[in-house]
N, C-alpha and C. Protein backbone atom coordinates (compact mmCIF):
# COMPACT_ATOMS: atom_id res chain seq x y z
N UNK A 1 8.51 61.03 -14.43
CA UNK A 1 9.79 61.68 -14.58
C UNK A 1 10.89 60.63 -14.75
N UNK A 2 11.81 60.95 -15.63
CA UNK A 2 12.98 60.09 -15.83
C UNK A 2 14.20 60.99 -15.74
N UNK A 3 15.06 60.70 -14.78
CA UNK A 3 16.24 61.54 -14.60
C UNK A 3 17.43 60.68 -14.19
N UNK A 4 18.61 61.09 -14.61
CA UNK A 4 19.83 60.40 -14.19
C UNK A 4 20.86 61.45 -13.76
N UNK A 5 21.46 61.18 -12.61
CA UNK A 5 22.56 62.00 -12.09
C UNK A 5 23.83 61.16 -12.25
N UNK A 6 24.85 61.75 -12.87
CA UNK A 6 26.06 60.98 -13.15
C UNK A 6 27.28 61.89 -13.13
N UNK A 7 28.45 61.26 -13.21
CA UNK A 7 29.70 61.99 -13.27
C UNK A 7 30.40 61.61 -14.57
N UNK A 8 30.63 62.59 -15.42
CA UNK A 8 31.21 62.36 -16.75
C UNK A 8 32.60 61.76 -16.68
N UNK A 9 33.36 62.07 -15.64
CA UNK A 9 34.73 61.57 -15.54
C UNK A 9 34.80 60.16 -14.96
N UNK A 10 33.66 59.60 -14.60
CA UNK A 10 33.61 58.26 -14.01
C UNK A 10 33.40 57.22 -15.11
N UNK A 11 34.39 56.34 -15.28
CA UNK A 11 34.31 55.30 -16.31
C UNK A 11 33.09 54.41 -16.12
N UNK A 12 32.79 54.07 -14.88
CA UNK A 12 31.65 53.19 -14.60
C UNK A 12 30.34 53.87 -15.00
N UNK A 13 30.20 55.15 -14.67
CA UNK A 13 28.99 55.89 -15.08
C UNK A 13 28.86 55.90 -16.60
N UNK A 14 29.95 56.19 -17.29
CA UNK A 14 29.90 56.25 -18.76
C UNK A 14 29.51 54.90 -19.34
N UNK A 15 30.05 53.82 -18.77
CA UNK A 15 29.72 52.48 -19.26
C UNK A 15 28.23 52.19 -19.07
N UNK A 16 27.71 52.49 -17.88
CA UNK A 16 26.31 52.22 -17.59
C UNK A 16 25.40 53.05 -18.49
N UNK A 17 25.75 54.32 -18.70
CA UNK A 17 24.93 55.18 -19.55
C UNK A 17 24.88 54.65 -20.99
N UNK A 18 25.94 54.01 -21.43
CA UNK A 18 25.95 53.41 -22.78
C UNK A 18 25.09 52.15 -22.83
N UNK A 19 24.99 51.44 -21.70
CA UNK A 19 24.28 50.16 -21.66
C UNK A 19 22.76 50.31 -21.60
N UNK A 20 22.27 51.44 -21.11
CA UNK A 20 20.83 51.59 -20.92
C UNK A 20 20.23 52.57 -21.94
N UNK A 21 18.95 52.41 -22.18
CA UNK A 21 18.24 53.28 -23.11
C UNK A 21 17.88 54.57 -22.37
N UNK A 22 18.50 55.67 -22.77
CA UNK A 22 18.30 56.94 -22.08
C UNK A 22 17.25 57.83 -22.74
N UNK A 23 16.49 57.28 -23.66
CA UNK A 23 15.45 58.06 -24.34
C UNK A 23 14.47 58.61 -23.31
N UNK A 24 14.25 59.91 -23.35
CA UNK A 24 13.31 60.54 -22.44
C UNK A 24 13.88 60.92 -21.09
N UNK A 25 15.15 60.62 -20.86
CA UNK A 25 15.78 60.94 -19.57
C UNK A 25 16.34 62.36 -19.57
N UNK A 26 16.20 63.03 -18.44
CA UNK A 26 16.90 64.28 -18.20
C UNK A 26 18.24 63.86 -17.60
N UNK A 27 19.34 64.32 -18.21
CA UNK A 27 20.67 63.93 -17.73
C UNK A 27 21.32 65.11 -17.02
N UNK A 28 21.85 64.86 -15.83
CA UNK A 28 22.53 65.91 -15.08
C UNK A 28 23.90 65.44 -14.66
N UNK A 29 24.91 66.12 -15.18
CA UNK A 29 26.29 65.83 -14.83
C UNK A 29 26.59 66.61 -13.55
N UNK A 30 26.90 65.90 -12.47
CA UNK A 30 26.92 66.52 -11.14
C UNK A 30 28.16 67.35 -10.82
N UNK A 31 29.20 67.24 -11.63
CA UNK A 31 30.38 68.08 -11.38
C UNK A 31 30.16 69.48 -11.96
N UNK A 32 29.67 69.53 -13.18
CA UNK A 32 29.45 70.82 -13.83
C UNK A 32 28.11 71.44 -13.44
N UNK A 33 27.18 70.61 -13.00
CA UNK A 33 25.85 71.09 -12.62
C UNK A 33 25.47 70.42 -11.28
N UNK A 34 26.02 70.93 -10.18
CA UNK A 34 25.83 70.28 -8.87
C UNK A 34 24.35 70.11 -8.49
N UNK A 35 24.11 69.06 -7.71
CA UNK A 35 22.73 68.83 -7.26
C UNK A 35 22.33 69.91 -6.26
N UNK A 36 21.06 70.23 -6.29
CA UNK A 36 20.51 71.25 -5.40
C UNK A 36 19.94 70.58 -4.16
N UNK A 37 19.63 71.39 -3.16
CA UNK A 37 18.99 70.88 -1.94
C UNK A 37 17.67 70.20 -2.33
N UNK A 38 16.91 70.85 -3.20
CA UNK A 38 15.62 70.30 -3.62
C UNK A 38 15.79 68.93 -4.30
N UNK A 39 16.79 68.81 -5.17
CA UNK A 39 17.04 67.54 -5.85
C UNK A 39 17.45 66.46 -4.87
N UNK A 40 18.29 66.81 -3.90
CA UNK A 40 18.72 65.83 -2.91
C UNK A 40 17.53 65.40 -2.04
N UNK A 41 16.68 66.34 -1.69
CA UNK A 41 15.49 66.01 -0.90
C UNK A 41 14.60 65.05 -1.69
N UNK A 42 14.48 65.29 -2.97
CA UNK A 42 13.68 64.42 -3.84
C UNK A 42 14.26 63.01 -3.86
N UNK A 43 15.58 62.90 -4.01
CA UNK A 43 16.22 61.58 -3.99
C UNK A 43 15.97 60.89 -2.66
N UNK A 44 16.05 61.66 -1.58
CA UNK A 44 15.85 61.12 -0.23
C UNK A 44 14.44 60.55 -0.06
N UNK A 45 13.45 61.19 -0.66
CA UNK A 45 12.07 60.70 -0.57
C UNK A 45 11.93 59.30 -1.15
N UNK A 46 12.72 59.02 -2.18
CA UNK A 46 12.64 57.72 -2.86
C UNK A 46 13.54 56.67 -2.23
N UNK A 47 14.53 57.10 -1.45
CA UNK A 47 15.49 56.14 -0.87
C UNK A 47 15.23 55.99 0.62
N UNK A 48 15.94 55.08 1.24
CA UNK A 48 15.77 54.82 2.66
C UNK A 48 16.35 55.93 3.53
N UNK A 49 17.42 56.54 3.05
CA UNK A 49 18.14 57.49 3.89
C UNK A 49 19.16 58.25 3.04
N UNK A 50 19.74 59.28 3.63
CA UNK A 50 20.86 59.97 2.97
C UNK A 50 22.06 59.03 2.90
N UNK A 51 22.18 58.18 3.90
CA UNK A 51 23.30 57.23 3.90
C UNK A 51 23.25 56.33 2.67
N UNK A 52 22.03 55.96 2.23
CA UNK A 52 21.87 55.12 1.04
C UNK A 52 22.39 55.83 -0.21
N UNK A 53 22.39 57.14 -0.19
CA UNK A 53 22.86 57.94 -1.33
C UNK A 53 24.34 58.29 -1.23
N UNK A 54 24.96 57.93 -0.12
CA UNK A 54 26.33 58.34 0.19
C UNK A 54 27.35 57.34 -0.33
N UNK A 55 28.37 57.84 -0.99
CA UNK A 55 29.42 57.01 -1.57
C UNK A 55 30.55 56.82 -0.57
N UNK A 56 30.59 55.65 0.04
CA UNK A 56 31.64 55.36 1.02
C UNK A 56 32.93 54.89 0.35
N UNK A 57 32.94 54.84 -0.97
CA UNK A 57 34.16 54.47 -1.69
C UNK A 57 34.89 55.69 -2.23
N UNK A 58 34.36 56.88 -1.94
CA UNK A 58 35.01 58.11 -2.40
C UNK A 58 36.37 58.26 -1.72
N UNK A 59 37.33 58.76 -2.48
CA UNK A 59 38.68 58.97 -1.93
C UNK A 59 38.64 59.92 -0.74
N UNK A 60 37.78 60.91 -0.81
CA UNK A 60 37.67 61.89 0.26
C UNK A 60 37.14 61.26 1.55
N UNK A 61 36.33 60.22 1.42
CA UNK A 61 35.80 59.50 2.59
C UNK A 61 36.95 58.94 3.41
N UNK A 62 37.91 58.35 2.70
CA UNK A 62 39.09 57.79 3.37
C UNK A 62 40.00 58.90 3.87
N UNK A 63 40.19 59.92 3.03
CA UNK A 63 41.09 61.02 3.39
C UNK A 63 40.61 61.78 4.63
N UNK A 64 39.30 61.91 4.78
CA UNK A 64 38.74 62.62 5.93
C UNK A 64 38.54 61.70 7.13
N UNK A 65 38.90 60.41 6.97
CA UNK A 65 38.77 59.42 8.03
C UNK A 65 37.33 59.32 8.56
N UNK A 66 36.37 59.42 7.66
CA UNK A 66 34.96 59.39 8.06
C UNK A 66 34.53 58.00 8.53
N UNK A 67 35.25 56.98 8.09
CA UNK A 67 34.93 55.61 8.47
C UNK A 67 34.93 55.45 10.00
N UNK A 68 35.81 56.16 10.66
CA UNK A 68 35.95 56.03 12.11
C UNK A 68 35.17 57.09 12.90
N UNK A 69 34.23 57.75 12.20
CA UNK A 69 33.43 58.76 12.87
C UNK A 69 31.96 58.36 12.85
N UNK A 70 31.22 58.87 13.81
CA UNK A 70 29.78 58.66 13.82
C UNK A 70 29.16 59.75 12.97
N UNK A 71 28.47 59.33 11.92
CA UNK A 71 27.90 60.30 10.98
C UNK A 71 26.38 60.23 11.04
N UNK A 72 25.76 61.36 11.24
CA UNK A 72 24.29 61.42 11.32
C UNK A 72 23.71 61.59 9.92
N UNK A 73 22.41 61.42 9.80
CA UNK A 73 21.72 61.65 8.53
C UNK A 73 21.96 63.08 8.04
N UNK A 74 21.93 64.03 8.97
CA UNK A 74 22.16 65.44 8.61
C UNK A 74 23.58 65.62 8.07
N UNK A 75 24.54 64.90 8.66
CA UNK A 75 25.92 64.97 8.18
C UNK A 75 26.04 64.41 6.76
N UNK A 76 25.42 63.23 6.53
CA UNK A 76 25.46 62.63 5.20
C UNK A 76 24.89 63.62 4.17
N UNK A 77 23.76 64.22 4.52
CA UNK A 77 23.11 65.19 3.63
C UNK A 77 24.06 66.33 3.29
N UNK A 78 24.71 66.89 4.31
CA UNK A 78 25.59 68.03 4.11
C UNK A 78 26.84 67.65 3.31
N UNK A 79 27.41 66.48 3.59
CA UNK A 79 28.58 66.03 2.82
C UNK A 79 28.24 65.90 1.34
N UNK A 80 27.07 65.34 1.03
CA UNK A 80 26.67 65.17 -0.36
C UNK A 80 26.49 66.53 -1.03
N UNK A 81 25.90 67.48 -0.33
CA UNK A 81 25.70 68.81 -0.89
C UNK A 81 27.03 69.56 -1.06
N UNK A 82 27.96 69.32 -0.14
CA UNK A 82 29.25 70.03 -0.18
C UNK A 82 30.21 69.47 -1.24
N UNK A 83 30.13 68.18 -1.50
CA UNK A 83 31.13 67.54 -2.37
C UNK A 83 30.46 66.50 -3.27
N UNK A 84 30.45 66.76 -4.56
CA UNK A 84 29.76 65.89 -5.52
C UNK A 84 30.25 64.44 -5.49
N UNK A 85 31.49 64.21 -5.12
CA UNK A 85 32.00 62.83 -5.12
C UNK A 85 31.35 61.97 -4.04
N UNK A 86 30.67 62.61 -3.09
CA UNK A 86 30.01 61.84 -2.03
C UNK A 86 28.65 61.27 -2.46
N UNK A 87 28.16 61.66 -3.63
CA UNK A 87 26.91 61.07 -4.12
C UNK A 87 27.24 59.74 -4.79
N UNK A 88 26.62 58.68 -4.31
CA UNK A 88 26.80 57.37 -4.94
C UNK A 88 26.18 57.46 -6.33
N UNK A 89 26.91 57.02 -7.35
CA UNK A 89 26.42 57.23 -8.70
C UNK A 89 26.57 56.01 -9.57
N UNK A 90 25.84 56.00 -10.65
CA UNK A 90 24.82 56.97 -11.04
C UNK A 90 23.55 56.80 -10.22
N UNK A 91 22.72 57.83 -10.23
CA UNK A 91 21.40 57.77 -9.59
C UNK A 91 20.36 57.95 -10.69
N UNK A 92 19.52 56.94 -10.84
CA UNK A 92 18.42 57.00 -11.82
C UNK A 92 17.12 57.14 -11.05
N UNK A 93 16.27 58.07 -11.47
CA UNK A 93 14.92 58.17 -10.93
C UNK A 93 13.96 57.94 -12.09
N UNK A 94 13.10 56.95 -11.91
CA UNK A 94 12.09 56.65 -12.92
C UNK A 94 10.75 56.63 -12.20
N UNK A 95 9.92 57.63 -12.50
CA UNK A 95 8.63 57.80 -11.83
C UNK A 95 8.84 57.87 -10.32
N UNK A 96 8.41 56.84 -9.59
CA UNK A 96 8.56 56.89 -8.13
C UNK A 96 9.59 55.89 -7.63
N UNK A 97 10.47 55.43 -8.52
CA UNK A 97 11.52 54.48 -8.14
C UNK A 97 12.89 55.12 -8.31
N UNK A 98 13.81 54.72 -7.42
CA UNK A 98 15.18 55.22 -7.51
C UNK A 98 16.13 54.04 -7.59
N UNK A 99 17.17 54.20 -8.40
CA UNK A 99 18.21 53.19 -8.58
C UNK A 99 19.52 53.88 -8.26
N UNK A 100 20.16 53.46 -7.17
CA UNK A 100 21.35 54.16 -6.66
C UNK A 100 22.58 53.28 -6.81
N UNK A 101 23.60 53.84 -7.47
CA UNK A 101 24.88 53.16 -7.53
C UNK A 101 25.02 52.26 -8.74
N UNK A 102 26.12 51.50 -8.74
CA UNK A 102 26.49 50.74 -9.93
C UNK A 102 26.63 49.24 -9.67
N UNK A 103 26.02 48.75 -8.58
CA UNK A 103 26.11 47.31 -8.34
C UNK A 103 25.37 46.56 -9.45
N UNK A 104 25.80 45.37 -9.72
CA UNK A 104 25.20 44.55 -10.77
C UNK A 104 23.69 44.39 -10.56
N UNK A 105 23.32 44.15 -9.31
CA UNK A 105 21.91 43.95 -8.95
C UNK A 105 21.07 45.20 -9.27
N UNK A 106 21.58 46.36 -8.90
CA UNK A 106 20.87 47.62 -9.15
C UNK A 106 20.72 47.86 -10.65
N UNK A 107 21.78 47.64 -11.40
CA UNK A 107 21.75 47.89 -12.84
C UNK A 107 20.82 46.89 -13.54
N UNK A 108 20.78 45.65 -13.08
CA UNK A 108 19.84 44.67 -13.66
C UNK A 108 18.40 45.10 -13.44
N UNK A 109 18.09 45.57 -12.22
CA UNK A 109 16.73 46.04 -11.92
C UNK A 109 16.39 47.28 -12.77
N UNK A 110 17.37 48.14 -12.93
CA UNK A 110 17.19 49.34 -13.76
C UNK A 110 16.85 48.95 -15.19
N UNK A 111 17.62 48.04 -15.75
CA UNK A 111 17.39 47.60 -17.13
C UNK A 111 16.01 46.95 -17.28
N UNK A 112 15.58 46.19 -16.28
CA UNK A 112 14.25 45.58 -16.31
C UNK A 112 13.18 46.66 -16.34
N UNK A 113 13.37 47.70 -15.54
CA UNK A 113 12.40 48.79 -15.45
C UNK A 113 12.33 49.56 -16.76
N UNK A 114 13.48 49.85 -17.35
CA UNK A 114 13.51 50.63 -18.60
C UNK A 114 12.97 49.79 -19.76
N UNK A 115 13.30 48.49 -19.73
CA UNK A 115 12.82 47.59 -20.75
C UNK A 115 13.64 47.54 -22.00
């Protein structure tokens, strides 16, 4: 399976999607087509935790003062399901590997995998 979750209004997501070969990928824009519980569970199976999928740079993270709160895995899961901006993006799933976020290191590994 090859799938990418992204946000169309995010300049970084758009740039990354242009840089990689998306042939054969299922593309899901998370604002117009929100992720389901099943999809989030699938992402969680490939990652270390819900926290790894959580975007701590989201404006809402600061606005809700979540930085100063103790957040459980269940909380991270619920925040991501409730608000698309809390998903760290883009998220690429290729077979049994997941690539989360837009750090240079993650994108380099992604490009190596895609070839």
